Amino acid sequence: MKIRVERDVLAEAVAWAARSLPARPPAPVLAGLLLKAEDGALSLSS
């Protein structure tokens, strides 16, 4: 799969989603972001 995203838009979305991540998560998997592409849209969640 290939996606195209403007750098500034992606950087802003990642910065916004990363604010909710804990500094020291109880499990390493909780330290990342999930990128989901479906129906022509890309969503980020933490």
PDB file of N, CA and C in Angstrom:
ATOM      1  N   MET A   1       0.841  -1.164   0.000  1.00  0.00           N
ATOM      2  CA  MET A   1       0.000   0.000   0.000  1.00  0.00           C
ATOM      3  C   MET A   1       0.894   1.236   0.000  1.00  0.00           C
ATOM      4  N   LYS A   2       0.523   2.209  -0.775  1.00  0.00           N
ATOM      5  CA  LYS A   2       1.241   3.480  -0.812  1.00  0.00           C
ATOM      6  C   LYS A   2       0.266   4.587  -0.439  1.00  0.00           C
ATOM      7  N   ILE A   3       0.760   5.525   0.337  1.00  0.00           N
ATOM      8  CA  ILE A   3      -0.051   6.687   0.688  1.00  0.00           C
ATOM      9  C   ILE A   3       0.760   7.942   0.412  1.00  0.00           C
ATOM     10  N   ARG A   4       0.069   9.020   0.165  1.00  0.00           N
ATOM     11  CA  ARG A   4       0.716  10.323  -0.021  1.00  0.00           C
ATOM     12  C   ARG A   4       0.087  11.289   0.973  1.00  0.00           C
ATOM     13  N   VAL A   5       0.952  11.919   1.747  1.00  0.00           N
ATOM     14  CA  VAL A   5       0.495  12.870   2.752  1.00  0.00           C
ATOM     15  C   VAL A   5       1.454  14.049   2.740  1.00  0.00           C
ATOM     16  N   GLU A   6       0.909  15.251   2.828  1.00  0.00           N
ATOM     17  CA  GLU A   6       1.776  16.416   2.926  1.00  0.00           C
ATOM     18  C   GLU A   6       2.531  16.349   4.251  1.00  0.00           C
ATOM     19  N   ARG A   7       3.805  16.659   4.209  1.00  0.00           N
ATOM     20  CA  ARG A   7       4.668  16.536   5.377  1.00  0.00           C
ATOM     21  C   ARG A   7       4.157  17.348   6.563  1.00  0.00           C
ATOM     22  N   ASP A   8       3.757  18.589   6.325  1.00  0.00           N
ATOM     23  CA  ASP A   8       3.287  19.448   7.411  1.00  0.00           C
ATOM     24  C   ASP A   8       2.012  18.900   8.049  1.00  0.00           C
ATOM     25  N   VAL A   9       1.124  18.381   7.234  1.00  0.00           N
ATOM     26  CA  VAL A   9      -0.132  17.825   7.744  1.00  0.00           C
ATOM     27  C   VAL A   9       0.148  16.598   8.604  1.00  0.00           C
ATOM     28  N   LEU A  10       1.019  15.716   8.129  1.00  0.00           N
ATOM     29  CA  LEU A  10       1.357  14.515   8.888  1.00  0.00           C
ATOM     30  C   LEU A  10       2.078  14.882  10.177  1.00  0.00           C
ATOM     31  N   ALA A  11       3.022  15.810  10.123  1.00  0.00           N
ATOM     32  CA  ALA A  11       3.766  16.215  11.320  1.00  0.00           C
ATOM     33  C   ALA A  11       2.833  16.798  12.372  1.00  0.00           C
ATOM     34  N   GLU A  12       1.877  17.594  11.946  1.00  0.00           N
ATOM     35  CA  GLU A  12       0.923  18.186  12.894  1.00  0.00           C
ATOM     36  C   GLU A  12       0.044  17.107  13.523  1.00  0.00           C
ATOM     37  N   ALA A  13      -0.418  16.157  12.730  1.00  0.00           N
ATOM     38  CA  ALA A  13      -1.268  15.082  13.247  1.00  0.00           C
ATOM     39  C   ALA A  13      -0.500  14.185  14.210  1.00  0.00           C
ATOM     40  N   VAL A  14       0.744  13.861  13.885  1.00  0.00           N
ATOM     41  CA  VAL A  14       1.561  13.021  14.766  1.00  0.00           C
ATOM     42  C   VAL A  14       1.841  13.756  16.071  1.00  0.00           C
ATOM     43  N   ALA A  15       2.177  15.033  15.999  1.00  0.00           N
ATOM     44  CA  ALA A  15       2.444  15.811  17.214  1.00  0.00           C
ATOM     45  C   ALA A  15       1.200  15.867  18.095  1.00  0.00           C
ATOM     46  N   TRP A  16       0.035  16.058  17.490  1.00  0.00           N
ATOM     47  CA  TRP A  16      -1.204  16.134  18.257  1.00  0.00           C
ATOM     48  C   TRP A  16      -1.506  14.798  18.932  1.00  0.00           C
ATOM     49  N   ALA A  17      -1.369  13.693  18.209  1.00  0.00           N
ATOM     50  CA  ALA A  17      -1.663  12.368  18.765  1.00  0.00           C
ATOM     51  C   ALA A  17      -0.621  11.957  19.799  1.00  0.00           C
ATOM     52  N   ALA A  18       0.628  12.353  19.614  1.00  0.00           N
ATOM     53  CA  ALA A  18       1.704  11.963  20.531  1.00  0.00           C
ATOM     54  C   ALA A  18       1.565  12.623  21.895  1.00  0.00           C
ATOM     55  N   ARG A  19       0.833  13.721  21.984  1.00  0.00           N
ATOM     56  CA  ARG A  19       0.651  14.381  23.286  1.00  0.00           C
ATOM     57  C   ARG A  19      -0.059  13.483  24.286  1.00  0.00           C
ATOM     58  N   SER A  20      -0.849  12.544  23.816  1.00  0.00           N
ATOM     59  CA  SER A  20      -1.586  11.674  24.735  1.00  0.00           C
ATOM     60  C   SER A  20      -0.790  10.433  25.143  1.00  0.00           C
ATOM     61  N   LEU A  21       0.402  10.250  24.584  1.00  0.00           N
ATOM     62  CA  LEU A  21       1.214   9.085  24.930  1.00  0.00           C
ATOM     63  C   LEU A  21       1.925   9.312  26.257  1.00  0.00           C
ATOM     64  N   PRO A  22       1.954   8.294  27.124  1.00  0.00           N
ATOM     65  CA  PRO A  22       2.659   8.441  28.399  1.00  0.00           C
ATOM     66  C   PRO A  22       4.172   8.437  28.200  1.00  0.00           C
ATOM     67  N   ALA A  23       4.892   9.091  29.112  1.00  0.00           N
ATOM     68  CA  ALA A  23       6.355   9.141  29.024  1.00  0.00           C
ATOM     69  C   ALA A  23       6.965   7.757  29.229  1.00  0.00           C
ATOM     70  N   ARG A  24       6.416   7.008  30.155  1.00  0.00           N
ATOM     71  CA  ARG A  24       6.894   5.646  30.428  1.00  0.00           C
ATOM     72  C   ARG A  24       5.692   4.698  30.454  1.00  0.00           C
ATOM     73  N   PRO A  25       5.337   4.162  29.314  1.00  0.00           N
ATOM     74  CA  PRO A  25       4.157   3.286  29.266  1.00  0.00           C
ATOM     75  C   PRO A  25       4.419   1.960  29.980  1.00  0.00           C
ATOM     76  N   PRO A  26       3.375   1.341  30.538  1.00  0.00           N
ATOM     77  CA  PRO A  26       3.542   0.057  31.222  1.00  0.00           C
ATOM     78  C   PRO A  26       3.922  -1.085  30.270  1.00  0.00           C
ATOM     79  N   ALA A  27       3.585  -0.964  29.001  1.00  0.00           N
ATOM     80  CA  ALA A  27       3.941  -1.969  27.996  1.00  0.00           C
ATOM     81  C   ALA A  27       4.460  -1.233  26.758  1.00  0.00           C
ATOM     82  N   PRO A  28       5.534  -1.731  26.136  1.00  0.00           N
ATOM     83  CA  PRO A  28       6.112  -1.043  24.973  1.00  0.00           C
ATOM     84  C   PRO A  28       5.124  -0.792  23.835  1.00  0.00           C
ATOM     85  N   VAL A  29       4.160  -1.663  23.669  1.00  0.00           N
ATOM     86  CA  VAL A  29       3.199  -1.493  22.578  1.00  0.00           C
ATOM     87  C   VAL A  29       2.358  -0.231  22.779  1.00  0.00           C
ATOM     88  N   LEU A  30       2.260   0.256  23.997  1.00  0.00           N
ATOM     89  CA  LEU A  30       1.466   1.452  24.291  1.00  0.00           C
ATOM     90  C   LEU A  30       2.232   2.740  24.020  1.00  0.00           C
ATOM     91  N   ALA A  31       3.464   2.630  23.537  1.00  0.00           N
ATOM     92  CA  ALA A  31       4.295   3.811  23.287  1.00  0.00           C
ATOM     93  C   ALA A  31       4.213   4.288  21.843  1.00  0.00           C
ATOM     94  N   GLY A  32       3.391   3.670  21.036  1.00  0.00           N
ATOM     95  CA  GLY A  32       3.368   4.011  19.616  1.00  0.00           C
ATOM     96  C   GLY A  32       2.053   4.589  19.147  1.00  0.00           C
ATOM     97  N   LEU A  33       2.008   4.856  17.863  1.00  0.00           N
ATOM     98  CA  LEU A  33       0.811   5.367  17.210  1.00  0.00           C
ATOM     99  C   LEU A  33       0.309   4.322  16.224  1.00  0.00           C
ATOM    100  N   LEU A  34      -0.985   4.265  16.059  1.00  0.00           N
ATOM    101  CA  LEU A  34      -1.605   3.371  15.085  1.00  0.00           C
ATOM    102  C   LEU A  34      -2.053   4.203  13.899  1.00  0.00           C
ATOM    103  N   LEU A  35      -1.592   3.845  12.716  1.00  0.00           N
ATOM    104  CA  LEU A  35      -2.036   4.496  11.485  1.00  0.00           C
ATOM    105  C   LEU A  35      -2.947   3.516  10.766  1.00  0.00           C
ATOM    106  N   LYS A  36      -4.164   3.958  10.466  1.00  0.00           N
ATOM    107  CA  LYS A  36      -5.136   3.091   9.811  1.00  0.00           C
ATOM    108  C   LYS A  36      -5.618   3.772   8.533  1.00  0.00           C
ATOM    109  N   ALA A  37      -5.507   3.062   7.417  1.00  0.00           N
ATOM    110  CA  ALA A  37      -5.969   3.579   6.128  1.00  0.00           C
ATOM    111  C   ALA A  37      -7.158   2.744   5.674  1.00  0.00           C
ATOM    112  N   GLU A  38      -8.287   3.417   5.473  1.00  0.00           N
ATOM    113  CA  GLU A  38      -9.473   2.735   4.958  1.00  0.00           C
ATOM    114  C   GLU A  38     -10.406   3.746   4.314  1.00  0.00           C
ATOM    115  N   ASP A  39     -11.063   3.316   3.294  1.00  0.00           N
ATOM    116  CA  ASP A  39     -12.022   4.156   2.561  1.00  0.00           C
ATOM    117  C   ASP A  39     -11.414   5.476   2.102  1.00  0.00           C
ATOM    118  N   GLY A  40     -10.154   5.448   1.699  1.00  0.00           N
ATOM    119  CA  GLY A  40      -9.508   6.648   1.183  1.00  0.00           C
ATOM    120  C   GLY A  40      -9.103   7.657   2.232  1.00  0.00           C
ATOM    121  N   ALA A  41      -9.117   7.265   3.513  1.00  0.00           N
ATOM    122  CA  ALA A  41      -8.742   8.184   4.590  1.00  0.00           C
ATOM    123  C   ALA A  41      -7.682   7.541   5.473  1.00  0.00           C
ATOM    124  N   LEU A  42      -6.829   8.360   6.047  1.00  0.00           N
ATOM    125  CA  LEU A  42      -5.794   7.900   6.965  1.00  0.00           C
ATOM    126  C   LEU A  42      -6.115   8.456   8.337  1.00  0.00           C
ATOM    127  N   SER A  43      -6.152   7.578   9.352  1.00  0.00           N
ATOM    128  CA  SER A  43      -6.416   8.043  10.709  1.00  0.00           C
ATOM    129  C   SER A  43      -5.274   7.626  11.619  1.00  0.00           C
ATOM    130  N   LEU A  44      -4.990   8.460  12.614  1.00  0.00           N
ATOM    131  CA  LEU A  44      -3.957   8.197  13.607  1.00  0.00           C
ATOM    132  C   LEU A  44      -4.617   8.096  14.963  1.00  0.00           C
ATOM    133  N   SER A  45      -4.155   7.152  15.761  1.00  0.00           N
ATOM    134  CA  SER A  45      -4.646   7.055  17.134  1.00  0.00           C
ATOM    135  C   SER A  45      -3.509   6.579  18.018  1.00  0.00           C
ATOM    136  N   SER A  46      -3.629   6.906  19.293  1.00  0.00           N
ATOM    137  CA  SER A  46      -2.588   6.508  20.245  1.00  0.00           C
ATOM    138  C   SER A  46      -3.195   5.657  21.327  1.00  0.00           C
TER     139      SER A  46
END
